[in-house]
C-alpha atoms as a PDB file:
ATOM      1  CA  UNK A   1      -3.726  -1.740  -9.278  1.00  0.00           C
ATOM      2  CA  UNK A   2      -1.368   0.317  -7.178  1.00  0.00           C
ATOM      3  CA  UNK A   3      -2.382  -1.747  -4.129  1.00  0.00           C
ATOM      4  CA  UNK A   4      -1.411  -4.980  -6.063  1.00  0.00           C
ATOM      5  CA  UNK A   5       2.113  -3.680  -6.890  1.00  0.00           C
ATOM      6  CA  UNK A   6       2.778  -1.933  -3.489  1.00  0.00           C
ATOM      7  CA  UNK A   7       1.777  -4.883  -1.272  1.00  0.00           C
ATOM      8  CA  UNK A   8       2.779  -7.676  -3.617  1.00  0.00           C
ATOM      9  CA  UNK A   9      -0.501  -9.219  -3.735  1.00  0.00           C
ATOM     10  CA  UNK A  10      -1.280 -12.408  -5.611  1.00  0.00           C
ATOM     11  CA  UNK A  11      -3.991 -12.203  -8.237  1.00  0.00           C
ATOM     12  CA  UNK A  12      -6.433 -14.271  -5.905  1.00  0.00           C
ATOM     13  CA  UNK A  13      -5.811 -11.942  -2.994  1.00  0.00           C
ATOM     14  CA  UNK A  14      -6.399  -8.748  -4.947  1.00  0.00           C
ATOM     15  CA  UNK A  15      -9.581 -10.418  -6.293  1.00  0.00           C
ATOM     16  CA  UNK A  16     -10.769 -11.026  -2.718  1.00  0.00           C
ATOM     17  CA  UNK A  17     -10.023  -7.483  -1.897  1.00  0.00           C
ATOM     18  CA  UNK A  18     -11.893  -6.178  -5.002  1.00  0.00           C
ATOM     19  CA  UNK A  19     -14.772  -8.513  -3.969  1.00  0.00           C
ATOM     20  CA  UNK A  20     -14.963  -6.643  -0.512  1.00  0.00           C
ATOM     21  CA  UNK A  21     -14.799  -3.300  -2.213  1.00  0.00           C
ATOM     22  CA  UNK A  22     -17.661  -4.108  -4.559  1.00  0.00           C
ATOM     23  CA  UNK A  23     -19.729  -5.614  -1.690  1.00  0.00           C
ATOM     24  CA  UNK A  24     -19.183  -2.541   0.441  1.00  0.00           C
ATOM     25  CA  UNK A  25     -20.335  -4.439   3.369  1.00  0.00           C
ATOM     26  CA  UNK A  26     -18.880  -7.111   5.724  1.00  0.00           C
ATOM     27  CA  UNK A  27     -18.723 -10.646   4.119  1.00  0.00           C
ATOM     28  CA  UNK A  28     -18.287 -14.046   5.694  1.00  0.00           C
ATOM     29  CA  UNK A  29     -15.791 -16.582   4.740  1.00  0.00           C
ATOM     30  CA  UNK A  30     -18.598 -18.644   3.216  1.00  0.00           C
ATOM     31  CA  UNK A  31     -19.898 -15.793   1.118  1.00  0.00           C
ATOM     32  CA  UNK A  32     -16.369 -14.991  -0.048  1.00  0.00           C
ATOM     33  CA  UNK A  33     -15.778 -18.617  -0.931  1.00  0.00           C
ATOM     34  CA  UNK A  34     -18.959 -18.930  -2.812  1.00  0.00           C
ATOM     35  CA  UNK A  35     -18.277 -15.761  -4.661  1.00  0.00           C
ATOM     36  CA  UNK A  36     -14.756 -16.653  -5.762  1.00  0.00           C
ATOM     37  CA  UNK A  37     -15.401 -20.242  -6.068  1.00  0.00           C
ATOM     38  CA  UNK A  38     -16.691 -19.914  -9.713  1.00  0.00           C
ATOM     39  CA  UNK A  39     -13.803 -20.019 -12.122  1.00  0.00           C
ATOM     40  CA  UNK A  40     -11.235 -20.111  -9.304  1.00  0.00           C
ATOM     41  CA  UNK A  41     -10.634 -23.867  -8.685  1.00  0.00           C
ATOM     42  CA  UNK A  42      -7.788 -23.321  -6.347  1.00  0.00           C
ATOM     43  CA  UNK A  43      -9.897 -21.105  -4.123  1.00  0.00           C
ATOM     44  CA  UNK A  44     -12.896 -23.296  -3.754  1.00  0.00           C
ATOM     45  CA  UNK A  45     -11.986 -24.661  -0.362  1.00  0.00           C
ATOM     46  CA  UNK A  46     -12.468 -22.318   2.514  1.00  0.00           C
ATOM     47  CA  UNK A  47      -9.003 -22.917   3.821  1.00  0.00           C
ATOM     48  CA  UNK A  48      -7.479 -21.147   0.976  1.00  0.00           C
ATOM     49  CA  UNK A  49      -9.739 -18.204   1.169  1.00  0.00           C
ATOM     50  CA  UNK A  50      -8.873 -17.920   5.035  1.00  0.00           C
ATOM     51  CA  UNK A  51      -5.252 -17.961   3.904  1.00  0.00           C
ATOM     52  CA  UNK A  52      -5.757 -15.022   1.560  1.00  0.00           C
ATOM     53  CA  UNK A  53      -7.871 -13.302   4.119  1.00  0.00           C
ATOM     54  CA  UNK A  54      -5.137 -13.662   6.917  1.00  0.00           C
ATOM     55  CA  UNK A  55      -2.540 -12.062   4.460  1.00  0.00           C
ATOM     56  CA  UNK A  56      -4.788  -9.210   3.583  1.00  0.00           C
ATOM     57  CA  UNK A  57      -5.476  -8.668   7.359  1.00  0.00           C
ATOM     58  CA  UNK A  58      -1.626  -8.883   8.191  1.00  0.00           C
ATOM     59  CA  UNK A  59      -1.161  -6.089   5.489  1.00  0.00           C
ATOM     60  CA  UNK A  60      -3.865  -3.894   7.294  1.00  0.00           C
ATOM     61  CA  UNK A  61      -6.123  -4.003   4.120  1.00  0.00           C
ATOM     62  CA  UNK A  62      -8.971  -5.681   5.800  1.00  0.00           C
ATOM     63  CA  UNK A  63     -10.355  -6.347   9.253  1.00  0.00           C
ATOM     64  CA  UNK A  64     -12.940  -8.354  10.988  1.00  0.00           C
ATOM     65  CA  UNK A  65     -16.330  -6.685  12.164  1.00  0.00           C
ATOM     66  CA  UNK A  66     -17.242  -9.781  14.270  1.00  0.00           C
ATOM     67  CA  UNK A  67     -15.715 -13.051  14.529  1.00  0.00           C
ATOM     68  CA  UNK A  68     -16.769 -14.005  10.943  1.00  0.00           C
ATOM     69  CA  UNK A  69     -17.292 -11.004   8.795  1.00  0.00           C
ATOM     70  CA  UNK A  70     -14.358  -9.397   6.926  1.00  0.00           C
ATOM     71  CA  UNK A  71     -14.497  -5.851   5.511  1.00  0.00           C
ATOM     72  CA  UNK A  72     -12.159  -3.623   3.697  1.00  0.00           C
ATOM     73  CA  UNK A  73     -10.492  -0.761   5.656  1.00  0.00           C
ATOM     74  CA  UNK A  74     -10.179   1.350   2.746  1.00  0.00           C
ATOM     75  CA  UNK A  75     -11.976   1.745  -0.530  1.00  0.00           C
ATOM     76  CA  UNK A  76      -9.998   1.502  -3.621  1.00  0.00           C
ATOM     77  CA  UNK A  77      -9.868   5.190  -4.241  1.00  0.00           C
ATOM     78  CA  UNK A  78      -8.898   5.888  -0.616  1.00  0.00           C
ATOM     79  CA  UNK A  79      -6.080   3.274  -0.832  1.00  0.00           C
ATOM     80  CA  UNK A  80      -4.886   4.598  -4.251  1.00  0.00           C
ATOM     81  CA  UNK A  81      -4.646   8.134  -2.611  1.00  0.00           C
ATOM     82  CA  UNK A  82      -2.952   6.920   0.314  1.00  0.00           C
ATOM     83  CA  UNK A  83      -0.387   5.179  -1.693  1.00  0.00           C
ATOM     84  CA  UNK A  84       0.113   7.970  -3.986  1.00  0.00           C
ATOM     85  CA  UNK A  85       0.785  10.380  -0.924  1.00  0.00           C
ATOM     86  CA  UNK A  86       3.291   7.727   0.295  1.00  0.00           C
ATOM     87  CA  UNK A  87       4.968   7.567  -2.998  1.00  0.00           C
ATOM     88  CA  UNK A  88       5.294  11.457  -3.256  1.00  0.00           C
ATOM     89  CA  UNK A  89       6.805  11.614   0.398  1.00  0.00           C
ATOM     90  CA  UNK A  90       9.174   8.860  -0.658  1.00  0.00           C
ATOM     91  CA  UNK A  91      10.279  10.473  -3.895  1.00  0.00           C
ATOM     92  CA  UNK A  92      10.649  13.875  -2.034  1.00  0.00           C
ATOM     93  CA  UNK A  93      13.031  12.142   0.553  1.00  0.00           C
ATOM     94  CA  UNK A  94      14.925  10.259  -1.931  1.00  0.00           C
ATOM     95  CA  UNK A  95      15.569  13.245  -4.131  1.00  0.00           C
ATOM     96  CA  UNK A  96      16.663  15.177  -0.915  1.00  0.00           C
ATOM     97  CA  UNK A  97      19.082  12.368  -0.093  1.00  0.00           C
ATOM     98  CA  UNK A  98      20.441  12.219  -3.557  1.00  0.00           C
ATOM     99  CA  UNK A  99      21.046  15.927  -3.526  1.00  0.00           C
ATOM    100  CA  UNK A 100      22.731  16.026  -0.140  1.00  0.00           C
ATOM    101  CA  UNK A 101      24.925  13.002  -1.210  1.00  0.00           C
ATOM    102  CA  UNK A 102      26.077  15.064  -4.237  1.00  0.00           C
ATOM    103  CA  UNK A 103      27.240  17.804  -1.945  1.00  0.00           C
ATOM    104  CA  UNK A 104      29.041  15.480   0.332  1.00  0.00           C
ATOM    105  CA  UNK A 105      31.027  13.795  -2.386  1.00  0.00           C
ATOM    106  CA  UNK A 106      32.652  17.056  -3.441  1.00  0.00           C
ATOM    107  CA  UNK A 107      35.936  18.124  -1.849  1.00  0.00           C
ATOM    108  CA  UNK A 108      35.151  21.859  -1.682  1.00  0.00           C
ATOM    109  CA  UNK A 109      31.923  23.769  -1.750  1.00  0.00           C
ATOM    110  CA  UNK A 110      31.349  27.020  -3.581  1.00  0.00           C
ATOM    111  CA  UNK A 111      29.287  29.879  -2.042  1.00  0.00           C
ATOM    112  CA  UNK A 112      26.526  28.826  -4.211  1.00  0.00           C
ATOM    113  CA  UNK A 113      26.680  25.331  -3.058  1.00  0.00           C
ATOM    114  CA  UNK A 114      26.574  26.267   0.483  1.00  0.00           C
ATOM    115  CA  UNK A 115      23.645  28.505  -0.106  1.00  0.00           C
ATOM    116  CA  UNK A 116      21.763  25.642  -1.970  1.00  0.00           C
ATOM    117  CA  UNK A 117      22.637  23.333   0.756  1.00  0.00           C
ATOM    118  CA  UNK A 118      21.260  25.762   3.390  1.00  0.00           C
ATOM    119  CA  UNK A 119      17.960  25.782   1.389  1.00  0.00           C
ATOM    120  CA  UNK A 120      17.674  22.177   1.286  1.00  0.00           C
ATOM    121  CA  UNK A 121      18.247  21.894   5.062  1.00  0.00           C
ATOM    122  CA  UNK A 122      15.782  24.677   5.736  1.00  0.00           C
ATOM    123  CA  UNK A 123      13.274  23.039   3.336  1.00  0.00           C
ATOM    124  CA  UNK A 124      13.519  19.781   5.202  1.00  0.00           C
ATOM    125  CA  UNK A 125      13.241  21.352   8.555  1.00  0.00           C
ATOM    126  CA  UNK A 126       9.982  23.197   7.482  1.00  0.00           C
ATOM    127  CA  UNK A 127       8.139  20.006   6.027  1.00  0.00           C
END
């Protein structure tokens, strides 16, 4: 479900992505429309399926094998791992920025603060 939250996918778009993961092969618009048409009255028309596929393609989650067959670029596990790595990097960057802001907000720095600031800057340079 991380992909759903990260990319802001609607339920029907995520379901199409799940369908491509389960199929594990390229599917045509007709095959996708037939698979999602049951129980999903809003998606019975091919046009609605194409709109969802276009959004997924713009987000870089799916691609075309040939002019009519869509496939998922990542498996669900690969996508979750990729998003987890991105989240870790973002967390590290944000915590670094917050710690630096704390130093910049103070009027004077003690020697301990200067040493910690040096460590932070060297840490950033090494990663």
